[in-house]
Amino acid sequence: MQKVLGTLFRFMPFLFGIGFVAPVIAQSIQALGGVLPYGVSPVAFGLVAGGAWGAFANWSGRWI
């Protein structure tokens, strides 16, 4: 159990980026009426941006 939780917490910034930051980005784009190029959906853009930001936070150890 400790090994599973340790692994989960090690990837927590990435999971936070996918699970929280991505939907916030997607909903912000929709609320502001933004149109993305090439017909990319706001959810797909949010997942890429949130995942990249979470991966960077996981790699560097900080969000900014």
PDB file of N, CA and C in Angstrom:
ATOM      1  N   MET A   1       0.824  -1.189   0.000  1.00  0.00           N
ATOM      2  CA  MET A   1       0.000   0.000   0.000  1.00  0.00           C
ATOM      3  C   MET A   1       0.869   1.255   0.000  1.00  0.00           C
ATOM      4  N   GLN A   2       1.930   1.226   0.773  1.00  0.00           N
ATOM      5  CA  GLN A   2       2.825   2.381   0.837  1.00  0.00           C
ATOM      6  C   GLN A   2       3.511   2.607  -0.509  1.00  0.00           C
ATOM      7  N   LYS A   3       3.845   1.537  -1.209  1.00  0.00           N
ATOM      8  CA  LYS A   3       4.492   1.656  -2.502  1.00  0.00           C
ATOM      9  C   LYS A   3       3.542   2.260  -3.538  1.00  0.00           C
ATOM     10  N   VAL A   4       2.273   1.854  -3.499  1.00  0.00           N
ATOM     11  CA  VAL A   4       1.276   2.389  -4.430  1.00  0.00           C
ATOM     12  C   VAL A   4       1.057   3.878  -4.177  1.00  0.00           C
ATOM     13  N   LEU A   5       0.889   4.265  -2.919  1.00  0.00           N
ATOM     14  CA  LEU A   5       0.672   5.670  -2.591  1.00  0.00           C
ATOM     15  C   LEU A   5       1.913   6.513  -2.900  1.00  0.00           C
ATOM     16  N   GLY A   6       3.085   5.970  -2.686  1.00  0.00           N
ATOM     17  CA  GLY A   6       4.311   6.687  -3.015  1.00  0.00           C
ATOM     18  C   GLY A   6       4.407   6.972  -4.503  1.00  0.00           C
ATOM     19  N   THR A   7       4.056   5.981  -5.322  1.00  0.00           N
ATOM     20  CA  THR A   7       4.059   6.166  -6.770  1.00  0.00           C
ATOM     21  C   THR A   7       3.001   7.176  -7.188  1.00  0.00           C
ATOM     22  N   LEU A   8       1.824   7.093  -6.584  1.00  0.00           N
ATOM     23  CA  LEU A   8       0.745   8.032  -6.913  1.00  0.00           C
ATOM     24  C   LEU A   8       1.144   9.461  -6.580  1.00  0.00           C
ATOM     25  N   PHE A   9       1.707   9.671  -5.400  1.00  0.00           N
ATOM     26  CA  PHE A   9       2.091  11.019  -4.995  1.00  0.00           C
ATOM     27  C   PHE A   9       3.275  11.550  -5.790  1.00  0.00           C
ATOM     28  N   ARG A  10       4.082  10.674  -6.321  1.00  0.00           N
ATOM     29  CA  ARG A  10       5.207  11.119  -7.139  1.00  0.00           C
ATOM     30  C   ARG A  10       4.720  11.744  -8.443  1.00  0.00           C
ATOM     31  N   PHE A  11       3.585  11.258  -8.964  1.00  0.00           N
ATOM     32  CA  PHE A  11       3.024  11.773 -10.211  1.00  0.00           C
ATOM     33  C   PHE A  11       1.861  12.733  -9.983  1.00  0.00           C
ATOM     34  N   MET A  12       1.676  13.199  -8.768  1.00  0.00           N
ATOM     35  CA  MET A  12       0.543  14.060  -8.446  1.00  0.00           C
ATOM     36  C   MET A  12       0.520  15.367  -9.241  1.00  0.00           C
ATOM     37  N   PRO A  13       1.637  16.054  -9.484  1.00  0.00           N
ATOM     38  CA  PRO A  13       1.542  17.272 -10.296  1.00  0.00           C
ATOM     39  C   PRO A  13       1.012  17.006 -11.699  1.00  0.00           C
ATOM     40  N   PHE A  14       1.427  15.905 -12.306  1.00  0.00           N
ATOM     41  CA  PHE A  14       0.924  15.563 -13.639  1.00  0.00           C
ATOM     42  C   PHE A  14      -0.567  15.244 -13.583  1.00  0.00           C
ATOM     43  N   LEU A  15      -0.991  14.492 -12.594  1.00  0.00           N
ATOM     44  CA  LEU A  15      -2.413  14.161 -12.458  1.00  0.00           C
ATOM     45  C   LEU A  15      -3.247  15.402 -12.174  1.00  0.00           C
ATOM     46  N   PHE A  16      -2.715  16.341 -11.404  1.00  0.00           N
ATOM     47  CA  PHE A  16      -3.404  17.597 -11.146  1.00  0.00           C
ATOM     48  C   PHE A  16      -3.534  18.403 -12.434  1.00  0.00           C
ATOM     49  N   GLY A  17      -2.498  18.393 -13.259  1.00  0.00           N
ATOM     50  CA  GLY A  17      -2.552  19.099 -14.538  1.00  0.00           C
ATOM     51  C   GLY A  17      -3.607  18.527 -15.459  1.00  0.00           C
ATOM     52  N   ILE A  18      -3.730  17.213 -15.486  1.00  0.00           N
ATOM     53  CA  ILE A  18      -4.728  16.559 -16.339  1.00  0.00           C
ATOM     54  C   ILE A  18      -6.119  16.664 -15.735  1.00  0.00           C
ATOM     55  N   GLY A  19      -6.234  16.490 -14.443  1.00  0.00           N
ATOM     56  CA  GLY A  19      -7.548  16.401 -13.810  1.00  0.00           C
ATOM     57  C   GLY A  19      -8.178  17.715 -13.413  1.00  0.00           C
ATOM     58  N   PHE A  20      -7.379  18.761 -13.201  1.00  0.00           N
ATOM     59  CA  PHE A  20      -7.943  20.039 -12.763  1.00  0.00           C
ATOM     60  C   PHE A  20      -7.616  21.180 -13.721  1.00  0.00           C
ATOM     61  N   VAL A  21      -6.352  21.332 -14.072  1.00  0.00           N
ATOM     62  CA  VAL A  21      -5.948  22.453 -14.908  1.00  0.00           C
ATOM     63  C   VAL A  21      -6.539  22.325 -16.313  1.00  0.00           C
ATOM     64  N   ALA A  22      -6.552  21.126 -16.871  1.00  0.00           N
ATOM     65  CA  ALA A  22      -7.070  20.928 -18.224  1.00  0.00           C
ATOM     66  C   ALA A  22      -8.548  21.316 -18.353  1.00  0.00           C
ATOM     67  N   PRO A  23      -9.437  20.865 -17.465  1.00  0.00           N
ATOM     68  CA  PRO A  23     -10.831  21.304 -17.585  1.00  0.00           C
ATOM     69  C   PRO A  23     -11.019  22.805 -17.359  1.00  0.00           C
ATOM     70  N   VAL A  24     -10.208  23.395 -16.487  1.00  0.00           N
ATOM     71  CA  VAL A  24     -10.314  24.839 -16.271  1.00  0.00           C
ATOM     72  C   VAL A  24      -9.929  25.593 -17.539  1.00  0.00           C
ATOM     73  N   ILE A  25      -8.884  25.158 -18.210  1.00  0.00           N
ATOM     74  CA  ILE A  25      -8.473  25.791 -19.467  1.00  0.00           C
ATOM     75  C   ILE A  25      -9.562  25.627 -20.520  1.00  0.00           C
ATOM     76  N   ALA A  26     -10.109  24.418 -20.651  1.00  0.00           N
ATOM     77  CA  ALA A  26     -11.144  24.166 -21.651  1.00  0.00           C
ATOM     78  C   ALA A  26     -12.397  24.993 -21.381  1.00  0.00           C
ATOM     79  N   GLN A  27     -12.823  25.062 -20.139  1.00  0.00           N
ATOM     80  CA  GLN A  27     -14.021  25.835 -19.807  1.00  0.00           C
ATOM     81  C   GLN A  27     -13.773  27.327 -19.963  1.00  0.00           C
ATOM     82  N   SER A  28     -12.565  27.779 -19.709  1.00  0.00           N
ATOM     83  CA  SER A  28     -12.247  29.194 -19.899  1.00  0.00           C
ATOM     84  C   SER A  28     -12.310  29.569 -21.375  1.00  0.00           C
ATOM     85  N   ILE A  29     -11.803  28.711 -22.224  1.00  0.00           N
ATOM     86  CA  ILE A  29     -11.866  28.966 -23.665  1.00  0.00           C
ATOM     87  C   ILE A  29     -13.318  29.028 -24.126  1.00  0.00           C
ATOM     88  N   GLN A  30     -14.131  28.090 -23.662  1.00  0.00           N
ATOM     89  CA  GLN A  30     -15.546  28.078 -24.042  1.00  0.00           C
ATOM     90  C   GLN A  30     -16.285  29.285 -23.488  1.00  0.00           C
ATOM     91  N   ALA A  31     -16.018  29.670 -22.256  1.00  0.00           N
ATOM     92  CA  ALA A  31     -16.724  30.802 -21.641  1.00  0.00           C
ATOM     93  C   ALA A  31     -16.366  32.116 -22.319  1.00  0.00           C
ATOM     94  N   LEU A  32     -15.138  32.242 -22.779  1.00  0.00           N
ATOM     95  CA  LEU A  32     -14.712  33.466 -23.446  1.00  0.00           C
ATOM     96  C   LEU A  32     -15.051  33.472 -24.933  1.00  0.00           C
ATOM     97  N   GLY A  33     -15.602  32.374 -25.426  1.00  0.00           N
ATOM     98  CA  GLY A  33     -15.979  32.290 -26.838  1.00  0.00           C
ATOM     99  C   GLY A  33     -14.793  32.167 -27.766  1.00  0.00           C
ATOM    100  N   GLY A  34     -13.725  31.623 -27.268  1.00  0.00           N
ATOM    101  CA  GLY A  34     -12.522  31.480 -28.081  1.00  0.00           C
ATOM    102  C   GLY A  34     -12.667  30.390 -29.129  1.00  0.00           C
ATOM    103  N   VAL A  35     -12.047  30.639 -30.270  1.00  0.00           N
ATOM    104  CA  VAL A  35     -12.037  29.660 -31.358  1.00  0.00           C
ATOM    105  C   VAL A  35     -10.591  29.263 -31.591  1.00  0.00           C
ATOM    106  N   LEU A  36     -10.325  27.982 -31.532  1.00  0.00           N
ATOM    107  CA  LEU A  36      -8.967  27.489 -31.710  1.00  0.00           C
ATOM    108  C   LEU A  36      -8.708  27.175 -33.179  1.00  0.00           C
ATOM    109  N   PRO A  37      -7.481  27.318 -33.637  1.00  0.00           N
ATOM    110  CA  PRO A  37      -7.172  27.041 -35.043  1.00  0.00           C
ATOM    111  C   PRO A  37      -7.268  25.553 -35.371  1.00  0.00           C
ATOM    112  N   TYR A  38      -7.516  25.277 -36.632  1.00  0.00           N
ATOM    113  CA  TYR A  38      -7.570  23.924 -37.173  1.00  0.00           C
ATOM    114  C   TYR A  38      -8.675  23.077 -36.567  1.00  0.00           C
ATOM    115  N   GLY A  39      -9.663  23.699 -35.963  1.00  0.00           N
ATOM    116  CA  GLY A  39     -10.792  22.959 -35.413  1.00  0.00           C
ATOM    117  C   GLY A  39     -10.472  22.126 -34.188  1.00  0.00           C
ATOM    118  N   VAL A  40      -9.435  22.486 -33.464  1.00  0.00           N
ATOM    119  CA  VAL A  40      -9.065  21.758 -32.253  1.00  0.00           C
ATOM    120  C   VAL A  40     -10.116  22.043 -31.184  1.00  0.00           C
ATOM    121  N   SER A  41     -10.582  21.006 -30.519  1.00  0.00           N
ATOM    122  CA  SER A  41     -11.581  21.205 -29.469  1.00  0.00           C
ATOM    123  C   SER A  41     -10.910  21.795 -28.230  1.00  0.00           C
ATOM    124  N   PRO A  42     -11.661  22.586 -27.460  1.00  0.00           N
ATOM    125  CA  PRO A  42     -11.090  23.156 -26.227  1.00  0.00           C
ATOM    126  C   PRO A  42     -10.639  22.089 -25.231  1.00  0.00           C
ATOM    127  N   VAL A  43     -11.323  20.955 -25.206  1.00  0.00           N
ATOM    128  CA  VAL A  43     -10.933  19.881 -24.285  1.00  0.00           C
ATOM    129  C   VAL A  43      -9.573  19.310 -24.679  1.00  0.00           C
ATOM    130  N   ALA A  44      -9.362  19.082 -25.975  1.00  0.00           N
ATOM    131  CA  ALA A  44      -8.077  18.553 -26.431  1.00  0.00           C
ATOM    132  C   ALA A  44      -6.955  19.542 -26.141  1.00  0.00           C
ATOM    133  N   PHE A  45      -7.211  20.820 -26.396  1.00  0.00           N
ATOM    134  CA  PHE A  45      -6.193  21.829 -26.092  1.00  0.00           C
ATOM    135  C   PHE A  45      -5.918  21.888 -24.598  1.00  0.00           C
ATOM    136  N   GLY A  46      -6.965  21.811 -23.787  1.00  0.00           N
ATOM    137  CA  GLY A  46      -6.794  21.830 -22.338  1.00  0.00           C
ATOM    138  C   GLY A  46      -5.992  20.643 -21.843  1.00  0.00           C
ATOM    139  N   LEU A  47      -6.251  19.470 -22.403  1.00  0.00           N
ATOM    140  CA  LEU A  47      -5.498  18.281 -21.987  1.00  0.00           C
ATOM    141  C   LEU A  47      -4.030  18.378 -22.369  1.00  0.00           C
ATOM    142  N   VAL A  48      -3.751  18.900 -23.553  1.00  0.00           N
ATOM    143  CA  VAL A  48      -2.352  19.045 -23.958  1.00  0.00           C
ATOM    144  C   VAL A  48      -1.652  20.093 -23.098  1.00  0.00           C
ATOM    145  N   ALA A  49      -2.291  21.248 -22.913  1.00  0.00           N
ATOM    146  CA  ALA A  49      -1.670  22.318 -22.127  1.00  0.00           C
ATOM    147  C   ALA A  49      -1.550  21.918 -20.658  1.00  0.00           C
ATOM    148  N   GLY A  50      -2.604  21.369 -20.081  1.00  0.00           N
ATOM    149  CA  GLY A  50      -2.565  20.951 -18.680  1.00  0.00           C
ATOM    150  C   GLY A  50      -1.599  19.806 -18.450  1.00  0.00           C
ATOM    151  N   GLY A  51      -1.562  18.867 -19.377  1.00  0.00           N
ATOM    152  CA  GLY A  51      -0.622  17.755 -19.255  1.00  0.00           C
ATOM    153  C   GLY A  51       0.820  18.206 -19.372  1.00  0.00           C
ATOM    154  N   ALA A  52       1.073  19.124 -20.296  1.00  0.00           N
ATOM    155  CA  ALA A  52       2.437  19.639 -20.454  1.00  0.00           C
ATOM    156  C   ALA A  52       2.860  20.425 -19.219  1.00  0.00           C
ATOM    157  N   TRP A  53       1.956  21.239 -18.706  1.00  0.00           N
ATOM    158  CA  TRP A  53       2.274  22.036 -17.515  1.00  0.00           C
ATOM    159  C   TRP A  53       2.492  21.129 -16.300  1.00  0.00           C
ATOM    160  N   GLY A  54       1.654  20.095 -16.166  1.00  0.00           N
ATOM    161  CA  GLY A  54       1.821  19.146 -15.070  1.00  0.00           C
ATOM    162  C   GLY A  54       3.093  18.331 -15.200  1.00  0.00           C
ATOM    163  N   ALA A  55       3.437  17.956 -16.427  1.00  0.00           N
ATOM    164  CA  ALA A  55       4.678  17.211 -16.643  1.00  0.00           C
ATOM    165  C   ALA A  55       5.890  18.075 -16.324  1.00  0.00           C
ATOM    166  N   PHE A  56       5.824  19.360 -16.711  1.00  0.00           N
ATOM    167  CA  PHE A  56       6.916  20.274 -16.368  1.00  0.00           C
ATOM    168  C   PHE A  56       7.038  20.431 -14.858  1.00  0.00           C
ATOM    169  N   ALA A  57       5.900  20.558 -14.185  1.00  0.00           N
ATOM    170  CA  ALA A  57       5.915  20.693 -12.727  1.00  0.00           C
ATOM    171  C   ALA A  57       6.466  19.427 -12.067  1.00  0.00           C
ATOM    172  N   ASN A  58       6.123  18.287 -12.624  1.00  0.00           N
ATOM    173  CA  ASN A  58       6.621  17.021 -12.091  1.00  0.00           C
ATOM    174  C   ASN A  58       8.127  16.905 -12.294  1.00  0.00           C
ATOM    175  N   TRP A  59       8.592  17.336 -13.443  1.00  0.00           N
ATOM    176  CA  TRP A  59      10.009  17.227 -13.783  1.00  0.00           C
ATOM    177  C   TRP A  59      10.858  18.229 -12.996  1.00  0.00           C
ATOM    178  N   SER A  60      10.376  19.483 -12.932  1.00  0.00           N
ATOM    179  CA  SER A  60      11.192  20.532 -12.311  1.00  0.00           C
ATOM    180  C   SER A  60      10.973  20.643 -10.803  1.00  0.00           C
ATOM    181  N   GLY A  61       9.822  20.171 -10.318  1.00  0.00           N
ATOM    182  CA  GLY A  61       9.541  20.260  -8.908  1.00  0.00           C
ATOM    183  C   GLY A  61       8.827  21.539  -8.491  1.00  0.00           C
ATOM    184  N   ARG A  62       8.436  22.359  -9.461  1.00  0.00           N
ATOM    185  CA  ARG A  62       7.691  23.579  -9.157  1.00  0.00           C
ATOM    186  C   ARG A  62       6.783  23.934 -10.340  1.00  0.00           C
ATOM    187  N   TRP A  63       5.754  24.738 -10.075  1.00  0.00           N
ATOM    188  CA  TRP A  63       4.762  25.056 -11.095  1.00  0.00           C
ATOM    189  C   TRP A  63       5.152  26.247 -11.947  1.00  0.00           C
ATOM    190  N   ILE A  64       5.975  27.127 -11.419  1.00  0.00           N
ATOM    191  CA  ILE A  64       6.319  28.343 -12.167  1.00  0.00           C
ATOM    192  C   ILE A  64       7.760  28.283 -12.600  1.00  0.00           C
TER     193      ILE A  64
END
